[in-house]
Amino acid sequence: MDQDQIKKGTTTVGLVCKDGVVLAADSRAAMGNLIANKTIKKVLPITDRILLTIAGAAGDGQMLVRFLANEMKSYEITKKKKPSIKACASLLSQILFSGRMSFIPYYVQLILAGYDDKGPSLITLDAGGSIIEDDYASTGSGSPVAYGVLQDAYKKGLSLDEGIKLAARAVSTAIQRDVFTGEEVNVYTVTEKGIKQAPAEKIKA
C-alpha cells in the first residue's frame, strides 16, 4: 500500500507532574478516509514504570513496543536493576536511526515517559531517532490543537489529578478539531508505585 494511503492521524499527549507523569491518547485508527478501528491502544507499557505513546503507522509502533519491552526485560535480568528512562530512550533512538540508515524508516512519532530513580521524566523521539526531553509534549495530526491547550494551561508542579484533567482536555479538544483524532480518550499515570489507567468516568467528567 502507498504510504500516502496510510494516514498517521492521532493525538497523544504527555506531561510531567509533581509525583509522576500523565500520558493520554485518542483511540481512532484511520486509513485514508476510512476509520479502520475505534478502540486501538496508543499508550503501551514497556516496563512496569515506563510507557510509550504511538503516533504514526500502528504496525511500526506496535513492533517497536514489543522489541523494546523484551530488551528492557533482558536489561533488568542482566543488570539486576530497573532500566532508566534515558537508557530506554537511547536504545530506541538507535533503533529508529538504524531504520533511517537502512532506508526502511519507522513512520512514528513517540513519547517515552515514566518514573525511575531520578523521578518522573518525558522524552519525545521522531523517525530519525532524535531525543528531546521536555515537561510536556504532543504528537500526531491533532498535536497543534493539543499544544495550544498545553501551552496555555501547563505549569510546573501540577498534581496528578490536575495533570489528568489537562491531558484529557488537550486530547478532547483535538478530537473536536482534527478529523483523524477520535473516539475515546485514554489516560494513564506513572508514579513510583507503577502504572494506572484513569477511570473512564473521571475522564468523561
C-alpha atoms as a PDB file:
ATOM      1  CA  MET A   1       0.000   0.000   0.000  1.00  0.00           C
ATOM      2  CA  ASP A   2       1.209   3.507  -0.854  1.00  0.00           C
ATOM      3  CA  GLN A   3       2.396   5.362   2.252  1.00  0.00           C
ATOM      4  CA  ASP A   4       0.152   8.276   1.291  1.00  0.00           C
ATOM      5  CA  GLN A   5      -2.829   5.991   1.939  1.00  0.00           C
ATOM      6  CA  ILE A   6      -1.702   5.179   5.479  1.00  0.00           C
ATOM      7  CA  LYS A   7      -2.947   8.106   7.497  1.00  0.00           C
ATOM      8  CA  LYS A   8      -0.936   8.758  10.599  1.00  0.00           C
ATOM      9  CA  GLY A   9      -3.572  10.885  12.282  1.00  0.00           C
ATOM     10  CA  THR A  10      -3.879  10.748  16.044  1.00  0.00           C
ATOM     11  CA  THR A  11      -3.277  12.848  19.120  1.00  0.00           C
ATOM     12  CA  THR A  12      -1.085  11.788  22.009  1.00  0.00           C
ATOM     13  CA  VAL A  13      -0.141  13.938  24.969  1.00  0.00           C
ATOM     14  CA  GLY A  14       2.357  13.610  27.794  1.00  0.00           C
ATOM     15  CA  LEU A  15       3.188  15.857  30.718  1.00  0.00           C
ATOM     16  CA  VAL A  16       5.370  15.759  33.802  1.00  0.00           C
ATOM     17  CA  CYS A  17       3.660  16.293  37.140  1.00  0.00           C
ATOM     18  CA  LYS A  18       4.918  16.695  40.691  1.00  0.00           C
ATOM     19  CA  ASP A  19       4.676  12.996  41.575  1.00  0.00           C
ATOM     20  CA  GLY A  20       4.692  11.290  38.193  1.00  0.00           C
ATOM     21  CA  VAL A  21       3.812  11.588  34.528  1.00  0.00           C
ATOM     22  CA  VAL A  22       0.495  11.563  32.677  1.00  0.00           C
ATOM     23  CA  LEU A  23       0.033  10.188  29.157  1.00  0.00           C
ATOM     24  CA  ALA A  24      -3.128  10.375  27.084  1.00  0.00           C
ATOM     25  CA  ALA A  25      -4.287   9.463  23.580  1.00  0.00           C
ATOM     26  CA  ASP A  26      -7.380   9.009  21.471  1.00  0.00           C
ATOM     27  CA  SER A  27      -8.399   5.560  20.197  1.00  0.00           C
ATOM     28  CA  ARG A  28      -9.084   6.062  16.477  1.00  0.00           C
ATOM     29  CA  ALA A  29      -7.049   4.355  13.741  1.00  0.00           C
ATOM     30  CA  ALA A  30      -7.575   5.849  10.278  1.00  0.00           C
ATOM     31  CA  MET A  31      -6.614   4.505   6.869  1.00  0.00           C
ATOM     32  CA  GLY A  32      -7.194   7.148   4.256  1.00  0.00           C
ATOM     33  CA  ASN A  33     -10.733   8.402   4.784  1.00  0.00           C
ATOM     34  CA  LEU A  34     -11.735   5.140   6.482  1.00  0.00           C
ATOM     35  CA  ILE A  35     -11.955   4.785  10.249  1.00  0.00           C
ATOM     36  CA  ALA A  36     -10.243   1.397  10.470  1.00  0.00           C
ATOM     37  CA  ASN A  37     -10.543   0.901  14.237  1.00  0.00           C
ATOM     38  CA  LYS A  38     -12.217   2.769  17.104  1.00  0.00           C
ATOM     39  CA  THR A  39     -10.554   1.093  20.092  1.00  0.00           C
ATOM     40  CA  ILE A  40      -6.839   0.960  19.294  1.00  0.00           C
ATOM     41  CA  LYS A  41      -4.478   1.383  22.248  1.00  0.00           C
ATOM     42  CA  LYS A  42      -1.847   4.072  21.656  1.00  0.00           C
ATOM     43  CA  VAL A  43      -0.355   4.171  25.160  1.00  0.00           C
ATOM     44  CA  LEU A  44       1.527   0.936  25.790  1.00  0.00           C
ATOM     45  CA  PRO A  45       3.737  -0.390  28.613  1.00  0.00           C
ATOM     46  CA  ILE A  46       7.451  -1.019  28.159  1.00  0.00           C
ATOM     47  CA  THR A  47       8.166  -1.870  31.813  1.00  0.00           C
ATOM     48  CA  ASP A  48       6.123  -1.571  34.992  1.00  0.00           C
ATOM     49  CA  ARG A  49       7.163   2.106  35.214  1.00  0.00           C
ATOM     50  CA  ILE A  50       7.734   3.154  31.586  1.00  0.00           C
ATOM     51  CA  LEU A  51       5.093   3.848  28.925  1.00  0.00           C
ATOM     52  CA  LEU A  52       5.319   4.667  25.217  1.00  0.00           C
ATOM     53  CA  THR A  53       2.747   6.519  23.133  1.00  0.00           C
ATOM     54  CA  ILE A  54       2.402   5.787  19.422  1.00  0.00           C
ATOM     55  CA  ALA A  55       1.567   8.224  16.643  1.00  0.00           C
ATOM     56  CA  GLY A  56       2.094   7.147  13.048  1.00  0.00           C
ATOM     57  CA  ALA A  57       1.921   3.711  11.445  1.00  0.00           C
ATOM     58  CA  ALA A  58       0.330   1.400  14.002  1.00  0.00           C
ATOM     59  CA  GLY A  59       2.279  -1.674  12.889  1.00  0.00           C
ATOM     60  CA  ASP A  60       5.624   0.108  13.212  1.00  0.00           C
ATOM     61  CA  GLY A  61       4.731   1.364  16.663  1.00  0.00           C
ATOM     62  CA  GLN A  62       3.484  -1.988  17.951  1.00  0.00           C
ATOM     63  CA  MET A  63       6.601  -3.773  16.684  1.00  0.00           C
ATOM     64  CA  LEU A  64       8.840  -1.229  18.422  1.00  0.00           C
ATOM     65  CA  VAL A  65       6.914  -1.681  21.669  1.00  0.00           C
ATOM     66  CA  ARG A  66       7.324  -5.473  21.598  1.00  0.00           C
ATOM     67  CA  PHE A  67      11.034  -5.277  20.825  1.00  0.00           C
ATOM     68  CA  LEU A  68      11.755  -2.559  23.370  1.00  0.00           C
ATOM     69  CA  ALA A  69       9.791  -4.337  26.125  1.00  0.00           C
ATOM     70  CA  ASN A  70      11.787  -7.540  25.548  1.00  0.00           C
ATOM     71  CA  GLU A  71      15.099  -5.668  25.572  1.00  0.00           C
ATOM     72  CA  MET A  72      14.256  -3.822  28.788  1.00  0.00           C
ATOM     73  CA  LYS A  73      13.242  -7.106  30.439  1.00  0.00           C
ATOM     74  CA  SER A  74      16.605  -8.601  29.433  1.00  0.00           C
ATOM     75  CA  TYR A  75      18.347  -5.474  30.777  1.00  0.00           C
ATOM     76  CA  GLU A  76      16.582  -5.854  34.128  1.00  0.00           C
ATOM     77  CA  ILE A  77      17.520  -9.533  34.407  1.00  0.00           C
ATOM     78  CA  THR A  78      21.149  -8.981  33.361  1.00  0.00           C
ATOM     79  CA  LYS A  79      21.847  -5.790  35.324  1.00  0.00           C
ATOM     80  CA  LYS A  80      19.598  -6.753  38.248  1.00  0.00           C
ATOM     81  CA  LYS A  81      18.087  -3.276  38.284  1.00  0.00           C
ATOM     82  CA  LYS A  82      15.266  -1.440  36.554  1.00  0.00           C
ATOM     83  CA  PRO A  83      16.222   0.459  33.364  1.00  0.00           C
ATOM     84  CA  SER A  84      16.208   4.239  33.441  1.00  0.00           C
ATOM     85  CA  ILE A  85      14.090   6.316  31.070  1.00  0.00           C
ATOM     86  CA  LYS A  86      17.250   7.630  29.377  1.00  0.00           C
ATOM     87  CA  ALA A  87      18.675   4.119  28.848  1.00  0.00           C
ATOM     88  CA  CYS A  88      15.404   3.075  27.237  1.00  0.00           C
ATOM     89  CA  ALA A  89      15.338   6.227  25.078  1.00  0.00           C
ATOM     90  CA  SER A  90      18.945   5.673  23.975  1.00  0.00           C
ATOM     91  CA  LEU A  91      18.193   2.156  22.700  1.00  0.00           C
ATOM     92  CA  LEU A  92      15.004   3.306  20.989  1.00  0.00           C
ATOM     93  CA  SER A  93      16.890   6.161  19.319  1.00  0.00           C
ATOM     94  CA  GLN A  94      19.444   3.718  17.916  1.00  0.00           C
ATOM     95  CA  ILE A  95      16.691   1.501  16.509  1.00  0.00           C
ATOM     96  CA  LEU A  96      14.975   4.451  14.838  1.00  0.00           C
ATOM     97  CA  PHE A  97      18.225   5.813  13.416  1.00  0.00           C
ATOM     98  CA  SER A  98      19.246   2.392  12.038  1.00  0.00           C
ATOM     99  CA  GLY A  99      15.902   2.228  10.225  1.00  0.00           C
ATOM    100  CA  ARG A 100      16.633   5.523   8.515  1.00  0.00           C
ATOM    101  CA  MET A 101      20.129   4.391   7.549  1.00  0.00           C
ATOM    102  CA  SER A 102      18.779   1.177   6.024  1.00  0.00           C
ATOM    103  CA  PHE A 103      16.198   3.203   4.023  1.00  0.00           C
ATOM    104  CA  ILE A 104      13.354   1.399   5.822  1.00  0.00           C
ATOM    105  CA  PRO A 105      12.319   4.102   8.308  1.00  0.00           C
ATOM    106  CA  TYR A 106       9.752   3.665  11.041  1.00  0.00           C
ATOM    107  CA  TYR A 107       6.816   6.013  10.398  1.00  0.00           C
ATOM    108  CA  VAL A 108       6.322   7.029  14.015  1.00  0.00           C
ATOM    109  CA  GLN A 109       6.359   9.888  16.484  1.00  0.00           C
ATOM    110  CA  LEU A 110       6.815   8.642  20.041  1.00  0.00           C
ATOM    111  CA  ILE A 111       6.556   9.874  23.605  1.00  0.00           C
ATOM    112  CA  LEU A 112       8.519   7.816  26.127  1.00  0.00           C
ATOM    113  CA  ALA A 113       7.768   8.597  29.745  1.00  0.00           C
ATOM    114  CA  GLY A 114       7.844   7.107  33.192  1.00  0.00           C
ATOM    115  CA  TYR A 115       9.323   7.111  36.647  1.00  0.00           C
ATOM    116  CA  ASP A 116      12.831   5.975  37.612  1.00  0.00           C
ATOM    117  CA  ASP A 117      15.430   6.662  40.310  1.00  0.00           C
ATOM    118  CA  LYS A 118      15.625  10.307  39.194  1.00  0.00           C
ATOM    119  CA  GLY A 119      11.870  10.785  39.353  1.00  0.00           C
ATOM    120  CA  PRO A 120       9.376  11.448  36.525  1.00  0.00           C
ATOM    121  CA  SER A 121      10.601  12.321  33.044  1.00  0.00           C
ATOM    122  CA  LEU A 122       9.316  12.595  29.486  1.00  0.00           C
ATOM    123  CA  ILE A 123      11.181  12.237  26.183  1.00  0.00           C
ATOM    124  CA  THR A 124       9.976  12.552  22.583  1.00  0.00           C
ATOM    125  CA  LEU A 125      11.543  10.691  19.667  1.00  0.00           C
ATOM    126  CA  ASP A 126      10.939  11.041  15.930  1.00  0.00           C
ATOM    127  CA  ALA A 127      11.536   8.704  12.997  1.00  0.00           C
ATOM    128  CA  GLY A 128      15.134   9.923  12.706  1.00  0.00           C
ATOM    129  CA  GLY A 129      15.967   8.976  16.280  1.00  0.00           C
ATOM    130  CA  SER A 130      16.267  12.460  17.774  1.00  0.00           C
ATOM    131  CA  ILE A 131      15.805  12.667  21.563  1.00  0.00           C
ATOM    132  CA  ILE A 132      14.129  15.695  23.155  1.00  0.00           C
ATOM    133  CA  GLU A 133      13.417  15.886  26.881  1.00  0.00           C
ATOM    134  CA  ASP A 134      10.659  18.275  27.945  1.00  0.00           C
ATOM    135  CA  ASP A 135       7.981  18.949  30.555  1.00  0.00           C
ATOM    136  CA  TYR A 136       5.126  18.317  28.127  1.00  0.00           C
ATOM    137  CA  ALA A 137       4.677  17.139  24.552  1.00  0.00           C
ATOM    138  CA  SER A 138       2.115  16.132  21.959  1.00  0.00           C
ATOM    139  CA  THR A 139       2.387  14.127  18.745  1.00  0.00           C
ATOM    140  CA  GLY A 140       0.171  13.310  15.786  1.00  0.00           C
ATOM    141  CA  SER A 141      -2.046  15.273  13.441  1.00  0.00           C
ATOM    142  CA  GLY A 142      -4.013  16.813  16.292  1.00  0.00           C
ATOM    143  CA  SER A 143      -0.900  17.963  18.162  1.00  0.00           C
ATOM    144  CA  PRO A 144      -1.097  21.642  17.072  1.00  0.00           C
ATOM    145  CA  VAL A 145      -4.506  21.868  18.750  1.00  0.00           C
ATOM    146  CA  ALA A 146      -3.343  19.953  21.834  1.00  0.00           C
ATOM    147  CA  TYR A 147      -0.247  22.152  22.136  1.00  0.00           C
ATOM    148  CA  GLY A 148      -2.484  25.211  22.258  1.00  0.00           C
ATOM    149  CA  VAL A 149      -4.218  23.806  25.338  1.00  0.00           C
ATOM    150  CA  LEU A 150      -0.984  22.632  26.970  1.00  0.00           C
ATOM    151  CA  GLN A 151       0.930  25.839  26.400  1.00  0.00           C
ATOM    152  CA  ASP A 152      -1.900  27.860  27.899  1.00  0.00           C
ATOM    153  CA  ALA A 153      -2.554  25.731  30.990  1.00  0.00           C
ATOM    154  CA  TYR A 154       0.573  23.725  31.854  1.00  0.00           C
ATOM    155  CA  LYS A 155       2.664  24.752  34.834  1.00  0.00           C
ATOM    156  CA  LYS A 156       5.425  23.005  36.743  1.00  0.00           C
ATOM    157  CA  GLY A 157       4.380  21.168  39.885  1.00  0.00           C
ATOM    158  CA  LEU A 158       0.949  20.037  38.704  1.00  0.00           C
ATOM    159  CA  SER A 159      -0.684  17.371  40.835  1.00  0.00           C
ATOM    160  CA  LEU A 160      -1.561  14.086  39.132  1.00  0.00           C
ATOM    161  CA  ASP A 161      -5.270  14.959  39.231  1.00  0.00           C
ATOM    162  CA  GLU A 162      -4.580  18.307  37.586  1.00  0.00           C
ATOM    163  CA  GLY A 163      -2.381  16.556  35.003  1.00  0.00           C
ATOM    164  CA  ILE A 164      -5.096  14.010  34.201  1.00  0.00           C
ATOM    165  CA  LYS A 165      -7.647  16.773  33.635  1.00  0.00           C
ATOM    166  CA  LEU A 166      -5.271  18.798  31.443  1.00  0.00           C
ATOM    167  CA  ALA A 167      -4.157  15.829  29.312  1.00  0.00           C
ATOM    168  CA  ALA A 168      -7.764  14.710  28.811  1.00  0.00           C
ATOM    169  CA  ARG A 169      -8.804  18.251  27.865  1.00  0.00           C
ATOM    170  CA  ALA A 170      -5.956  18.561  25.346  1.00  0.00           C
ATOM    171  CA  VAL A 171      -6.886  15.315  23.560  1.00  0.00           C
ATOM    172  CA  SER A 172     -10.624  16.064  23.750  1.00  0.00           C
ATOM    173  CA  THR A 173     -10.052  19.466  22.148  1.00  0.00           C
ATOM    174  CA  ALA A 174      -8.057  17.820  19.341  1.00  0.00           C
ATOM    175  CA  ILE A 175     -10.931  15.369  18.788  1.00  0.00           C
ATOM    176  CA  GLN A 176     -13.214  18.322  18.130  1.00  0.00           C
ATOM    177  CA  ARG A 177     -10.886  19.853  15.504  1.00  0.00           C
ATOM    178  CA  ASP A 178      -8.855  17.044  13.898  1.00  0.00           C
ATOM    179  CA  VAL A 179     -10.724  14.581  11.679  1.00  0.00           C
ATOM    180  CA  PHE A 180      -8.171  11.795  12.243  1.00  0.00           C
ATOM    181  CA  THR A 181      -8.422  12.025  16.044  1.00  0.00           C
ATOM    182  CA  GLY A 182     -11.465  10.496  17.657  1.00  0.00           C
ATOM    183  CA  GLU A 183     -13.460   8.091  19.816  1.00  0.00           C
ATOM    184  CA  GLU A 184     -12.291   7.549  23.424  1.00  0.00           C
ATOM    185  CA  VAL A 185      -9.704   9.410  25.463  1.00  0.00           C
ATOM    186  CA  ASN A 186      -7.429   7.012  27.361  1.00  0.00           C
ATOM    187  CA  VAL A 187      -5.321   8.474  30.168  1.00  0.00           C
ATOM    188  CA  TYR A 188      -2.573   6.767  32.171  1.00  0.00           C
ATOM    189  CA  THR A 189      -0.355   7.807  35.071  1.00  0.00           C
ATOM    190  CA  VAL A 190       3.079   6.523  36.057  1.00  0.00           C
ATOM    191  CA  THR A 191       4.366   7.043  39.578  1.00  0.00           C
ATOM    192  CA  GLU A 192       6.852   5.378  41.897  1.00  0.00           C
ATOM    193  CA  LYS A 193       4.124   2.784  42.563  1.00  0.00           C
ATOM    194  CA  GLY A 194       3.669   1.903  38.890  1.00  0.00           C
ATOM    195  CA  ILE A 195       1.199   2.397  36.020  1.00  0.00           C
ATOM    196  CA  LYS A 196      -2.503   3.136  36.429  1.00  0.00           C
ATOM    197  CA  GLN A 197      -5.247   3.927  33.946  1.00  0.00           C
ATOM    198  CA  ALA A 198      -7.526   6.793  34.918  1.00  0.00           C
ATOM    199  CA  PRO A 199     -11.160   5.632  35.262  1.00  0.00           C
ATOM    200  CA  ALA A 200     -13.375   6.365  32.248  1.00  0.00           C
ATOM    201  CA  GLU A 201     -15.906   8.159  34.477  1.00  0.00           C
ATOM    202  CA  LYS A 202     -13.216  10.571  35.631  1.00  0.00           C
ATOM    203  CA  ILE A 203     -12.199  11.350  32.036  1.00  0.00           C
ATOM    204  CA  LYS A 204     -15.792  11.940  30.941  1.00  0.00           C
ATOM    205  CA  ALA A 205     -16.360  14.232  33.904  1.00  0.00           C
END
